[in-house]
Amino acid sequence: MTYRELADKSNRYSLWALSRGLTAGSVVSLIMPNCPDYIAIWLGITRVGGIVALVNTNLKGQALAHSLNVVAPKHIIVAAELVDAVAEVLPRLAPDIQCWVHGSGGDRFARIEDQLPQSTDGRLDAFPTHQPPSLSDCALYIYTSGTTGLPKAAKVSHFRVMQWSHWFAGMMDTGPSDRMYNCLPMYHSVGGVVGTGATLVNGGTVVLRRKFSVSHFWNDILESNCTIFLYIGELCRYLVNGPPHPHETDHRLRLCCGNGLRADIWEKFQQRFRIPQILEFYAATEGNFSLYNCEGKPGAIGRIPSFLAHRFPVALIKLDVETAEPLRSNGEGFCIRCAADETGEAIGKLPGDGSSHGSRFEGYTDKAASSKKILRNVFEPGDAWYRTGDLMKRDAKGYFYFVDRVGDTFRWKGENVSTAEVAETISACPGVTGAVVYGVNVPGTEGRAGMAAVVVSDNFDLQMFAEYLARSLPEYARPLFLRIRNEIAMTETFKPRKLDLVSEGFDSAAIADDVYFYDRSCQAFVKLDTALRERIANRQLRL
C-alpha cells in the first residue's frame, strides 16, 4: 500500500464515519488481525473526531463482552474470521450497536467495504459541520489488564499518538529507506502505534505479519529487505532457541527496538544474529513516563541522566509485600524511596497544573480505576504521582531494571494475565468448586507461566476441563500447570493465601497434591512426574 493509497483509504473511512452520523467522541470498536487496512480504518475514523477501541482479537465470551461494554461503541468493525466471537456476545451488548464485517466470508453482518465511497474528491466539504479534533481529544482506547480484574480501556489522546510516533522516530532515527518488520499485534500500543507511526512519519515502510513465526522470520526479513525489527523479549528468546538458519546473518537489520529482553538472552541474540544495535525501552499505554536504554546495557530498561532528572521525575518506592501498598515513614507519613539495587514500585510525578501534555495521566474509561492509579501526598503535601504497578530496581549508575508486576498480574508470552479473570473463568467450569491462579517461574522462559490450584467435585473431568479452557481463554492466559487440592487456605479477610503456592511452584516431588502439565502436543493435561519435569527444565517441550 503506497502513501497515496493509505491516505485515500483512510479518507474513505472518514467519509463512512461522517455518513453514519458519528460525532466527536463516538466510539467504533475494531476487532481485526494485523493488516494494512487496520491503520487506515483508525486513522480515518479518528481524523473526524471518532474514538477507535482497539480490541484484543484473542478475547471471547465474558472478557470480550466486557471490553466492548466499557467503551459503549456505536459500531463494531470485525474481521470475517472473528465474526462468530462477536455474534456470541451480541445479546450482552446494547441493542443499537451496528456491526460490520471486514473481508469476505462473513455473511452475518453487512460488509463494510461495500459501504465506502468510490471517490473522496471534495467529499469532506459535504459535511460543513465537521470539526477536526484537537490534540487533547481522545483518539484511541487501548486495553490494558492492569493489576487486577478484567481489561480496562486506557484513553490515548491525539497528542499521545503524535508523541509516541515522533519520539520513537527520533530514538530510532527512522528515514525513508527504513523498512520496519512488525509482527506484534496492532491492538497493542507498540505494534499498533509506536512501530507503525514512528516509521510512517519519516517516510519509511512498515512490513506487517499477522503473527510471529520462528520458521518464517529470517526469510521474511531477507525477502522484505527490513532494516528494523520491533520485538518483545520472548520473540528474541524463541529465535535464540530456534534451529540455525542458513541466512540468519545475511540481513540488513541495523536496529532492534522493543522491551522485555532480559540479560541472559540479550548478548546471545545480538552476537549470534549480528545485530548492530538494540534499543530497549520501558513504557505503559496509560503511563506518564518512558525509559530508554540508548547505551545498549544488557538487561537494563533505561537510564535517566542526572542532567535530565528534572524533566523526567521518576522514583522507586518501597511496598508492603502483603498489601502491595506503599510503605510510609512513621514520622511525616511520606513514601520511602528505595536505595540503589532495592526493588520497589516505579512512579512518575504528575504535573500540578496539568499543563504538560507529555506527563499527564489520561486515565481509563472507568473513573474509579483511574483514581486508583494516582498516589497522593507521596514526598510532600499535595503532590500526586502515577503508579505504574511495575516493580523495578535501579543500580548505582542509574540504570533501571524491570523486576515484576505488583500484585497478582503476571506476564506470559508478552501479555499481561489477570489472575482474577482467569480464576473467575475456571470457577465457572462444571466440576470446579474453588480456584486460585498465580504465576510460577519456569527455567529458561520470560515472565511467569500460569498455574491454577483447584478444588473439584466428583463430576470433574480433566479432558473436559482442558477443552473448556481452550474455548474460554486466550492461549497465553490458559494455565500451564494444574494442582488439585482438597481445600484452598484463606486469609482472615477470606482471600486465598497464594505466597506458599507460588513458592512451591510446580515441584511435584515436594507437593502432596496431584500436579498436571498441559501438553500442547496432545492438547491435554498429563500427570507431572520427575521425567516430565526434567524435560520442562531442559526446554525440551514447547510451552
Protein backbone atom coordinates (compact mmCIF):
# COMPACT_ATOMS: atom_id res chain seq x y z
CA MET A 1 0.00 0.00 0.00
CA THR A 2 1.51 3.34 -1.06
CA TYR A 3 1.21 6.52 0.97
CA ARG A 4 -1.33 7.80 -1.56
CA GLU A 5 -3.35 4.59 -1.21
CA LEU A 6 -3.18 4.78 2.59
CA ALA A 7 -4.39 8.40 2.53
CA ASP A 8 -7.19 7.54 0.10
CA LYS A 9 -8.33 4.52 2.10
CA SER A 10 -8.31 6.43 5.40
CA ASN A 11 -10.27 9.28 3.77
CA ARG A 12 -12.91 6.79 2.67
CA TYR A 13 -13.30 5.63 6.26
CA SER A 14 -13.55 9.29 7.33
CA LEU A 15 -16.46 9.72 4.91
CA TRP A 16 -18.04 6.47 6.06
CA ALA A 17 -17.88 7.68 9.68
CA LEU A 18 -19.45 11.04 8.83
CA SER A 19 -22.14 9.47 6.67
CA ARG A 20 -23.12 7.23 9.61
CA GLY A 21 -23.59 10.25 11.84
CA LEU A 22 -20.53 9.70 14.01
CA THR A 23 -19.83 12.81 16.04
CA ALA A 24 -16.93 13.87 18.23
CA GLY A 25 -16.39 11.18 20.84
CA SER A 26 -18.42 8.47 19.09
CA VAL A 27 -16.78 5.08 19.58
CA VAL A 28 -16.06 2.38 16.99
CA SER A 29 -14.63 -0.94 18.22
CA LEU A 30 -12.11 -2.54 15.85
CA ILE A 31 -11.53 -6.31 16.07
CA MET A 32 -9.11 -7.32 13.32
CA PRO A 33 -5.76 -9.08 12.95
CA ASN A 34 -2.72 -7.27 11.55
CA CYS A 35 -3.30 -5.93 8.04
CA PRO A 36 -2.74 -2.65 6.15
CA ASP A 37 -6.42 -1.71 6.39
CA TYR A 38 -6.15 -1.76 10.20
CA ILE A 39 -4.30 1.54 10.40
CA ALA A 40 -6.31 3.03 7.52
CA ILE A 41 -9.52 2.41 9.48
CA TRP A 42 -8.47 4.01 12.76
CA LEU A 43 -6.70 6.90 11.03
CA GLY A 44 -9.83 7.68 9.02
CA ILE A 45 -12.26 7.47 11.94
CA THR A 46 -10.11 9.38 14.43
CA ARG A 47 -9.41 12.08 11.85
CA VAL A 48 -13.03 13.21 12.02
CA GLY A 49 -13.29 13.05 15.81
CA GLY A 50 -14.28 9.45 16.43
CA ILE A 51 -12.61 7.22 19.00
CA VAL A 52 -11.46 3.76 17.94
CA ALA A 53 -11.22 0.99 20.55
CA LEU A 54 -8.50 -1.49 19.56
CA VAL A 55 -9.88 -4.80 20.87
CA ASN A 56 -7.69 -7.84 21.58
CA THR A 57 -8.52 -10.42 18.91
CA ASN A 58 -7.95 -13.30 21.35
CA LEU A 59 -10.85 -12.35 23.62
CA LYS A 60 -14.02 -14.41 23.83
CA GLY A 61 -17.14 -14.62 25.94
CA GLN A 62 -17.30 -12.54 29.10
CA ALA A 63 -13.94 -10.81 28.55
CA LEU A 64 -14.95 -9.74 25.03
CA ALA A 65 -18.39 -8.54 26.14
CA HIS A 66 -16.82 -6.56 28.98
CA SER A 67 -14.23 -4.95 26.68
CA LEU A 68 -16.98 -3.78 24.34
CA ASN A 69 -19.37 -2.60 27.03
CA VAL A 70 -16.79 -0.46 28.87
CA VAL A 71 -16.36 1.76 25.79
CA ALA A 72 -20.04 1.80 24.67
CA PRO A 73 -19.41 1.64 20.90
CA LYS A 74 -21.93 2.77 18.30
CA HIS A 75 -20.33 0.48 15.70
CA ILE A 76 -18.19 -2.67 15.69
CA ILE A 77 -15.93 -3.49 12.75
CA VAL A 78 -14.86 -7.14 12.90
CA ALA A 79 -12.76 -9.33 10.61
CA ALA A 80 -14.68 -12.10 8.86
CA GLU A 81 -12.80 -14.85 10.70
CA LEU A 82 -13.75 -13.34 14.10
CA VAL A 83 -17.46 -12.78 13.44
CA ASP A 84 -18.60 -15.80 15.47
CA ALA A 85 -16.96 -14.50 18.66
CA VAL A 86 -18.79 -11.16 18.30
CA ALA A 87 -22.11 -12.80 17.38
CA GLU A 88 -21.92 -14.92 20.55
CA VAL A 89 -21.75 -11.87 22.84
CA LEU A 90 -24.27 -9.66 21.00
CA PRO A 91 -27.09 -10.48 23.46
CA ARG A 92 -24.93 -8.98 26.22
CA LEU A 93 -24.37 -5.69 24.35
CA ALA A 94 -26.51 -2.60 23.80
CA PRO A 95 -29.21 -3.38 21.21
CA ASP A 96 -28.49 -0.36 18.99
CA ILE A 97 -24.88 -1.28 18.15
CA GLN A 98 -24.31 -1.76 14.41
CA CYS A 99 -21.87 -4.49 13.38
CA TRP A 100 -19.86 -4.55 10.15
CA VAL A 101 -17.67 -7.29 8.74
CA HIS A 102 -14.35 -6.61 7.07
CA GLY A 103 -13.26 -9.09 4.42
CA SER A 104 -15.08 -11.90 2.71
CA GLY A 105 -16.67 -14.99 4.19
CA GLY A 106 -18.77 -13.44 6.94
CA ASP A 107 -22.40 -13.04 5.86
CA ARG A 108 -23.84 -12.45 9.34
CA PHE A 109 -23.20 -8.66 9.10
CA ALA A 110 -23.04 -6.16 6.23
CA ARG A 111 -19.65 -5.90 4.53
CA ILE A 112 -18.10 -2.54 5.36
CA GLU A 113 -16.04 -2.32 2.17
CA ASP A 114 -19.31 -2.16 0.22
CA GLN A 115 -20.33 0.94 2.21
CA LEU A 116 -17.24 3.01 1.37
CA PRO A 117 -17.47 5.79 -1.24
CA GLN A 118 -15.74 5.14 -4.56
CA SER A 119 -14.17 8.60 -4.65
CA THR A 120 -13.01 11.05 -1.97
CA ASP A 121 -12.55 14.11 -4.19
CA GLY A 122 -14.08 17.09 -2.40
CA ARG A 123 -16.39 14.86 -0.40
CA LEU A 124 -15.38 16.18 3.06
CA ASP A 125 -16.84 19.56 2.01
CA ALA A 126 -20.24 17.88 2.03
CA PHE A 127 -20.06 17.85 5.84
CA PRO A 128 -19.59 21.55 6.74
CA THR A 129 -20.43 20.94 10.39
CA HIS A 130 -17.44 18.63 10.78
CA GLN A 131 -14.78 19.96 13.16
CA PRO A 132 -11.35 18.29 13.29
CA PRO A 133 -10.27 17.01 16.71
CA SER A 134 -7.79 18.83 18.95
CA LEU A 135 -4.58 17.42 20.40
CA SER A 136 -6.23 16.85 23.79
CA ASP A 137 -9.18 14.92 22.33
CA CYS A 138 -9.24 11.15 22.73
CA ALA A 139 -8.23 9.21 19.61
CA LEU A 140 -7.95 5.59 20.75
CA TYR A 141 -8.92 3.25 23.55
CA ILE A 142 -6.17 0.69 24.08
CA TYR A 143 -6.82 -2.07 26.60
CA THR A 144 -4.55 -2.92 29.48
CA SER A 145 -5.05 -5.63 32.09
CA GLY A 146 -3.73 -3.55 34.97
CA THR A 147 -3.01 -5.47 38.14
CA THR A 148 -6.47 -6.91 38.84
CA GLY A 149 -9.77 -7.65 37.15
CA LEU A 150 -10.98 -7.55 33.58
CA PRO A 151 -9.36 -5.41 30.84
CA LYS A 152 -9.50 -1.63 31.26
CA ALA A 153 -9.71 0.78 28.34
CA ALA A 154 -6.92 3.36 28.55
CA LYS A 155 -7.53 6.74 26.91
CA VAL A 156 -4.99 7.73 24.28
CA SER A 157 -5.22 11.32 23.03
CA HIS A 158 -4.17 12.61 19.63
CA PHE A 159 -1.23 14.23 21.42
CA ARG A 160 -0.02 10.88 22.72
CA VAL A 161 -0.37 9.25 19.30
CA MET A 162 1.85 12.01 17.89
CA GLN A 163 4.21 11.93 20.87
CA TRP A 164 4.80 8.20 20.63
CA SER A 165 5.25 8.29 16.86
CA HIS A 166 7.64 11.24 16.69
CA TRP A 167 9.56 10.42 19.85
CA PHE A 168 10.32 6.87 18.71
CA ALA A 169 11.05 8.11 15.20
CA GLY A 170 13.79 10.24 16.75
CA MET A 171 15.03 7.46 19.04
CA MET A 172 15.28 5.01 16.14
CA ASP A 173 16.37 7.68 13.63
CA THR A 174 13.92 6.37 11.07
CA GLY A 175 14.07 7.56 7.47
CA PRO A 176 12.62 6.90 4.00
CA SER A 177 14.98 3.98 3.41
CA ASP A 178 13.93 2.13 6.59
CA ARG A 179 11.68 -0.91 6.49
CA MET A 180 10.14 -1.87 9.83
CA TYR A 181 9.28 -5.54 10.44
CA ASN A 182 6.22 -5.56 12.69
CA CYS A 183 4.73 -8.86 13.83
CA LEU A 184 3.39 -7.53 17.13
CA PRO A 185 -0.41 -7.27 17.46
CA MET A 186 -1.76 -3.93 16.26
CA TYR A 187 -4.27 -3.80 19.12
CA HIS A 188 -1.33 -3.04 21.43
CA SER A 189 0.28 0.40 21.62
CA VAL A 190 3.71 -0.80 20.46
CA GLY A 191 2.60 -2.76 17.40
CA GLY A 192 -0.34 -0.53 16.52
CA VAL A 193 1.03 2.97 17.12
CA VAL A 194 4.74 3.07 18.05
CA GLY A 195 6.10 0.73 15.37
CA THR A 196 3.87 1.93 12.56
CA GLY A 197 3.76 5.62 13.45
CA ALA A 198 7.49 6.03 14.06
CA THR A 199 8.20 4.62 10.62
CA LEU A 200 5.48 6.37 8.65
CA VAL A 201 6.09 9.90 9.99
CA ASN A 202 9.55 9.88 8.37
CA GLY A 203 8.55 8.24 5.10
CA GLY A 204 9.61 4.65 5.76
CA THR A 205 7.88 1.34 5.03
CA VAL A 206 6.09 -0.93 7.50
CA VAL A 207 6.13 -4.67 6.77
CA LEU A 208 3.30 -6.42 8.61
CA ARG A 209 2.95 -10.06 9.56
CA ARG A 210 -0.15 -11.39 11.30
CA LYS A 211 1.76 -13.42 13.87
CA PHE A 212 5.38 -14.07 14.76
CA SER A 213 6.88 -17.27 13.32
CA VAL A 214 10.36 -18.63 14.07
CA SER A 215 10.41 -20.70 10.88
CA HIS A 216 9.44 -17.76 8.65
CA PHE A 217 11.23 -14.94 10.44
CA TRP A 218 14.57 -14.79 8.64
CA ASN A 219 13.02 -15.46 5.25
CA ASP A 220 10.64 -12.55 5.89
CA ILE A 221 13.48 -10.25 6.96
CA LEU A 222 15.54 -11.09 3.87
CA GLU A 223 12.74 -11.04 1.31
CA SER A 224 11.30 -7.77 2.69
CA ASN A 225 14.76 -6.18 3.00
CA CYS A 226 13.95 -4.97 6.52
CA THR A 227 16.23 -2.65 8.49
CA ILE A 228 14.42 -2.54 11.86
CA PHE A 229 12.74 -5.30 13.89
CA LEU A 230 10.17 -4.48 16.59
CA TYR A 231 10.39 -7.09 19.36
CA ILE A 232 9.23 -8.23 22.73
CA GLY A 233 11.78 -10.22 24.70
CA GLU A 234 10.09 -13.57 24.28
CA LEU A 235 10.39 -13.36 20.48
CA CYS A 236 14.15 -12.93 20.76
CA ARG A 237 14.29 -15.94 23.08
CA TYR A 238 12.37 -18.04 20.54
CA LEU A 239 14.86 -17.07 17.83
CA VAL A 240 17.88 -17.83 20.01
CA ASN A 241 16.46 -21.24 20.94
CA GLY A 242 15.46 -21.96 17.35
CA PRO A 243 17.43 -24.03 14.84
CA PRO A 244 20.16 -22.37 12.76
CA HIS A 245 19.02 -20.61 9.59
CA PRO A 246 21.40 -20.52 6.61
CA HIS A 247 20.88 -16.77 6.18
CA GLU A 248 20.38 -15.61 9.76
CA THR A 249 23.29 -13.16 9.46
CA ASP A 250 22.74 -12.10 5.83
CA HIS A 251 20.30 -9.34 6.72
CA ARG A 252 20.21 -5.53 6.61
CA LEU A 253 18.89 -5.08 10.16
CA ARG A 254 20.55 -2.06 11.73
CA LEU A 255 18.40 -1.89 14.85
CA CYS A 256 16.08 -3.97 17.01
CA CYS A 257 13.73 -1.97 19.25
CA GLY A 258 11.42 -3.31 21.94
CA ASN A 259 11.00 -4.29 25.57
CA GLY A 260 11.38 -7.31 27.82
CA LEU A 261 14.78 -8.51 26.53
CA ARG A 262 16.46 -10.00 29.56
CA ALA A 263 20.22 -10.01 30.02
CA ASP A 264 20.58 -13.80 29.61
CA ILE A 265 19.22 -13.59 26.06
CA TRP A 266 20.42 -10.11 25.05
CA GLU A 267 24.08 -10.96 24.28
CA LYS A 268 23.27 -14.33 22.70
CA PHE A 269 20.71 -12.69 20.44
CA GLN A 270 22.97 -9.80 19.44
CA GLN A 271 26.09 -11.92 18.84
CA ARG A 272 24.50 -14.87 17.05
CA PHE A 273 22.48 -12.76 14.62
CA ARG A 274 24.99 -9.88 14.39
CA ILE A 275 22.56 -7.16 15.39
CA PRO A 276 24.36 -3.77 15.31
CA GLN A 277 22.17 -2.04 17.90
CA ILE A 278 19.44 -2.92 20.41
CA LEU A 279 17.17 -0.16 21.75
CA GLU A 280 15.35 -1.45 24.83
CA PHE A 281 12.67 0.75 26.34
CA TYR A 282 10.04 0.77 29.06
CA ALA A 283 6.60 2.33 28.62
CA ALA A 284 2.98 1.72 29.55
CA THR A 285 -0.02 2.61 27.41
CA GLU A 286 -1.56 4.75 30.13
CA GLY A 287 1.74 5.74 31.76
CA ASN A 288 3.13 9.27 32.05
CA PHE A 289 6.81 8.48 31.53
CA SER A 290 9.07 6.24 29.48
CA LEU A 291 12.59 4.89 29.92
CA TYR A 292 15.12 4.21 27.15
CA ASN A 293 18.31 2.19 27.18
CA CYS A 294 20.19 4.09 24.48
CA GLU A 295 23.59 2.77 25.58
CA GLY A 296 23.00 -0.92 24.96
CA LYS A 297 23.39 -2.00 28.58
CA PRO A 298 22.24 -5.68 28.56
CA GLY A 299 19.15 -6.23 30.71
CA ALA A 300 18.52 -2.57 31.53
CA ILE A 301 15.27 -0.89 30.52
CA GLY A 302 16.70 2.61 30.58
CA ARG A 303 18.59 5.32 32.38
CA ILE A 304 17.77 8.93 33.18
CA PRO A 305 20.94 11.06 33.09
CA SER A 306 21.30 13.37 36.07
CA PHE A 307 21.06 16.47 33.85
CA LEU A 308 17.60 15.34 32.66
CA ALA A 309 16.23 14.19 36.01
CA HIS A 310 14.23 17.41 36.44
CA ARG A 311 12.47 16.73 33.11
CA PHE A 312 11.59 13.13 33.98
CA PRO A 313 10.70 12.85 37.69
CA VAL A 314 10.63 9.09 38.29
CA ALA A 315 11.00 7.39 41.67
CA LEU A 316 11.04 3.89 43.15
CA ILE A 317 9.19 3.48 46.45
CA LYS A 318 9.11 0.69 48.99
CA LEU A 319 6.00 -1.52 49.18
CA ASP A 320 4.35 -3.76 51.71
CA VAL A 321 4.64 -7.20 50.11
CA GLU A 322 1.35 -8.46 51.50
CA THR A 323 -0.86 -5.45 50.70
CA ALA A 324 1.03 -4.08 47.64
CA GLU A 325 0.58 -0.64 49.24
CA PRO A 326 3.43 1.86 49.68
CA LEU A 327 5.30 1.91 52.98
CA ARG A 328 5.25 5.32 54.65
CA SER A 329 7.55 6.80 57.25
CA ASN A 330 6.35 6.81 60.83
CA GLY A 331 7.12 10.48 61.20
CA GLU A 332 5.82 12.56 58.28
CA GLY A 333 3.85 9.77 56.64
CA PHE A 334 5.52 10.19 53.26
CA CYS A 335 6.57 7.33 50.97
CA ILE A 336 10.06 5.88 51.32
CA ARG A 337 12.43 5.98 48.35
CA CYS A 338 14.33 2.80 47.50
CA ALA A 339 18.08 2.67 47.81
CA ALA A 340 20.32 1.51 44.97
CA ASP A 341 19.61 -2.10 43.93
CA GLU A 342 16.49 -2.21 46.11
CA THR A 343 13.23 -3.29 44.48
CA GLY A 344 10.21 -1.01 44.60
CA GLU A 345 7.28 0.26 42.57
CA ALA A 346 8.06 2.80 39.85
CA ILE A 347 6.03 6.01 39.99
CA GLY A 348 6.01 9.13 37.82
CA LYS A 349 5.19 12.64 39.02
CA LEU A 350 2.04 14.27 37.69
CA PRO A 351 2.10 18.00 36.85
CA GLY A 352 0.32 20.03 39.49
CA ASP A 353 -1.46 22.28 37.00
CA GLY A 354 -1.93 19.68 34.24
CA SER A 355 -0.12 21.95 31.79
CA SER A 356 2.29 19.33 30.49
CA HIS A 357 0.63 17.08 27.91
CA GLY A 358 3.57 14.67 27.98
CA SER A 359 3.44 13.86 31.69
CA ARG A 360 -0.33 13.71 32.13
CA PHE A 361 -2.19 10.60 33.15
CA GLU A 362 -5.15 10.41 30.78
CA GLY A 363 -6.76 7.55 32.67
CA TYR A 364 -9.31 4.89 31.75
CA THR A 365 -12.96 4.96 30.82
CA ASP A 366 -13.54 3.73 34.38
CA LYS A 367 -13.08 6.73 36.70
CA ALA A 368 -12.72 4.56 39.79
CA ALA A 369 -9.92 2.56 38.14
CA SER A 370 -8.23 5.82 37.13
CA SER A 371 -8.27 7.19 40.67
CA LYS A 372 -6.61 4.03 42.00
CA LYS A 373 -3.59 4.70 39.79
CA ILE A 374 -2.88 8.07 41.42
CA LEU A 375 -0.85 8.19 44.64
CA ARG A 376 -1.10 11.40 46.67
CA ASN A 377 1.00 13.04 49.38
CA VAL A 378 3.97 10.99 48.27
CA PHE A 379 7.00 13.10 49.14
CA GLU A 380 5.33 16.38 50.10
CA PRO A 381 1.81 17.53 50.96
CA GLY A 382 -0.49 17.69 47.95
CA ASP A 383 1.78 16.12 45.34
CA ALA A 384 0.45 13.41 43.03
CA TRP A 385 2.26 10.55 41.27
CA TYR A 386 1.18 7.91 38.77
CA ARG A 387 1.51 4.29 39.94
CA THR A 388 2.89 2.03 37.23
CA GLY A 389 2.13 -1.23 39.02
CA ASP A 390 5.62 -2.38 38.00
CA LEU A 391 8.42 -3.41 40.32
CA MET A 392 11.88 -2.19 39.32
CA LYS A 393 15.29 -1.61 40.77
CA ARG A 394 17.94 0.99 39.90
CA ASP A 395 21.68 0.35 40.21
CA ALA A 396 24.33 2.78 41.41
CA LYS A 397 24.95 4.03 37.86
CA GLY A 398 21.29 4.94 37.37
CA TYR A 399 20.21 2.03 35.14
CA PHE A 400 16.67 0.76 35.71
CA TYR A 401 15.80 -2.96 35.59
CA PHE A 402 12.30 -4.44 35.39
CA VAL A 403 11.58 -6.99 38.13
CA ASP A 404 7.87 -7.93 38.10
CA ARG A 405 4.30 -6.71 38.24
CA VAL A 406 2.84 -5.52 41.53
CA GLY A 407 0.04 -7.71 42.82
CA ASP A 408 -1.31 -10.73 41.06
CA THR A 409 -0.97 -9.93 37.38
CA PHE A 410 1.93 -11.62 35.65
CA ARG A 411 3.36 -11.55 32.12
CA TRP A 412 3.45 -14.60 29.87
CA LYS A 413 4.22 -14.66 26.13
CA GLY A 414 4.31 -10.88 26.10
CA GLU A 415 0.78 -10.49 27.56
CA ASN A 416 -0.41 -9.39 30.98
CA VAL A 417 -2.50 -12.14 32.56
CA SER A 418 -5.01 -11.20 35.22
CA THR A 419 -5.23 -13.99 37.81
CA ALA A 420 -8.65 -12.77 38.95
CA GLU A 421 -10.07 -13.00 35.44
CA VAL A 422 -8.62 -16.47 34.82
CA ALA A 423 -9.77 -17.74 38.24
CA GLU A 424 -13.28 -16.48 37.56
CA THR A 425 -13.37 -18.32 34.24
CA ILE A 426 -12.05 -21.54 35.79
CA SER A 427 -14.55 -21.36 38.63
CA ALA A 428 -17.38 -21.36 36.09
CA CYS A 429 -16.31 -24.75 34.72
CA PRO A 430 -18.53 -27.70 35.76
CA GLY A 431 -16.89 -29.74 38.49
CA VAL A 432 -14.73 -26.88 39.84
CA THR A 433 -15.76 -25.67 43.28
CA GLY A 434 -12.84 -23.36 44.02
CA ALA A 435 -9.85 -21.92 42.17
CA VAL A 436 -6.84 -19.70 42.74
CA VAL A 437 -4.49 -18.69 39.92
CA TYR A 438 -0.89 -17.45 40.12
CA GLY A 439 2.28 -17.30 38.09
CA VAL A 440 5.27 -19.60 38.54
CA ASN A 441 8.82 -19.35 37.24
CA VAL A 442 9.86 -21.84 34.57
CA PRO A 443 13.59 -22.18 33.80
CA GLY A 444 14.61 -20.59 30.53
CA THR A 445 11.45 -18.56 29.92
CA GLU A 446 10.43 -14.91 30.19
CA GLY A 447 7.79 -13.90 32.71
CA ARG A 448 5.80 -16.49 34.62
CA ALA A 449 3.62 -19.36 33.45
CA GLY A 450 0.08 -19.69 34.72
CA MET A 451 -0.73 -22.27 37.39
CA ALA A 452 -4.12 -23.00 38.90
CA ALA A 453 -4.86 -24.68 42.23
CA VAL A 454 -8.40 -26.02 42.15
CA VAL A 455 -10.84 -27.83 44.40
CA VAL A 456 -13.07 -30.17 42.43
CA SER A 457 -16.19 -32.28 42.87
CA ASP A 458 -16.79 -35.90 41.85
CA ASN A 459 -18.05 -34.96 38.38
CA PHE A 460 -14.83 -33.10 37.42
CA ASP A 461 -13.46 -34.33 34.08
CA LEU A 462 -9.85 -33.42 33.26
CA GLN A 463 -10.19 -33.64 29.47
CA MET A 464 -13.40 -31.66 29.51
CA PHE A 465 -11.63 -29.06 31.64
CA ALA A 466 -8.84 -28.72 29.04
CA GLU A 467 -11.40 -28.30 26.27
CA TYR A 468 -13.28 -25.72 28.34
CA LEU A 469 -10.12 -23.64 28.81
CA ALA A 470 -9.39 -23.77 25.08
CA ARG A 471 -12.86 -22.37 24.36
CA SER A 472 -12.90 -19.78 27.11
CA LEU A 473 -9.44 -18.26 27.37
CA PRO A 474 -6.74 -16.95 25.00
CA GLU A 475 -3.81 -19.34 24.74
CA TYR A 476 -1.45 -17.14 26.75
CA ALA A 477 -3.94 -16.96 29.66
CA ARG A 478 -4.55 -20.73 29.99
CA PRO A 479 -2.80 -22.28 33.00
CA LEU A 480 0.14 -24.43 32.02
CA PHE A 481 0.12 -26.26 35.36
CA LEU A 482 -2.80 -27.58 37.38
CA ARG A 483 -2.79 -28.53 41.06
CA ILE A 484 -5.80 -30.36 42.51
CA ARG A 485 -6.32 -29.72 46.23
CA ASN A 486 -8.78 -30.67 48.94
CA GLU A 487 -9.12 -27.05 50.05
CA ILE A 488 -7.66 -23.58 49.45
CA ALA A 489 -6.31 -21.83 52.52
CA MET A 490 -7.80 -18.38 53.11
CA THR A 491 -6.68 -15.27 54.99
CA GLU A 492 -8.69 -13.65 57.76
CA THR A 493 -10.33 -11.46 55.11
CA PHE A 494 -11.28 -14.52 53.01
CA LYS A 495 -8.65 -14.02 50.36
CA PRO A 496 -6.70 -17.05 49.10
CA ARG A 497 -3.22 -17.49 50.51
CA LYS A 498 -1.00 -17.51 47.44
CA LEU A 499 2.51 -16.98 48.77
CA ASP A 500 3.06 -20.63 49.75
CA LEU A 501 1.56 -21.85 46.48
CA VAL A 502 3.80 -19.55 44.46
CA SER A 503 6.93 -20.58 46.37
CA GLU A 504 6.16 -24.30 45.91
CA GLY A 505 5.66 -23.79 42.17
CA PHE A 506 5.18 -26.97 40.16
CA ASP A 507 7.66 -29.15 42.06
CA SER A 508 5.53 -32.28 42.10
CA ALA A 509 8.18 -34.14 44.09
CA ALA A 510 7.69 -31.79 47.03
CA ILE A 511 3.91 -31.38 46.72
CA ALA A 512 1.47 -33.91 48.13
CA ASP A 513 -1.29 -32.83 45.72
CA ASP A 514 -1.68 -34.19 42.21
CA VAL A 515 0.02 -31.83 39.72
CA TYR A 516 -0.62 -31.82 35.98
CA PHE A 517 1.05 -30.20 32.98
CA TYR A 518 -0.77 -29.10 29.83
CA ASP A 519 0.92 -30.95 26.95
CA ARG A 520 0.29 -28.96 23.77
CA SER A 521 1.21 -31.93 21.58
CA CYS A 522 -1.85 -33.88 22.74
CA GLN A 523 -3.88 -30.90 23.99
CA ALA A 524 -4.45 -32.48 27.37
CA PHE A 525 -3.32 -32.29 30.99
CA VAL A 526 -0.89 -35.09 31.85
CA LYS A 527 0.44 -36.14 35.26
CA LEU A 528 3.64 -34.29 36.10
CA ASP A 529 6.38 -36.70 37.14
CA THR A 530 10.14 -36.35 37.56
CA ALA A 531 10.96 -37.22 33.95
CA LEU A 532 8.47 -34.68 32.58
CA ARG A 533 9.69 -32.04 34.99
CA GLU A 534 13.26 -32.54 33.78
CA ARG A 535 12.15 -32.20 30.16
CA ILE A 536 10.48 -28.89 31.04
CA ALA A 537 13.58 -27.67 32.88
CA ASN A 538 15.79 -28.65 29.93
CA ARG A 539 13.48 -26.78 27.50
CA GLN A 540 12.66 -29.93 25.56
CA LEU A 541 8.94 -29.11 25.40
CA ARG A 542 7.12 -26.26 23.70
CA LEU A 543 5.40 -24.21 26.39
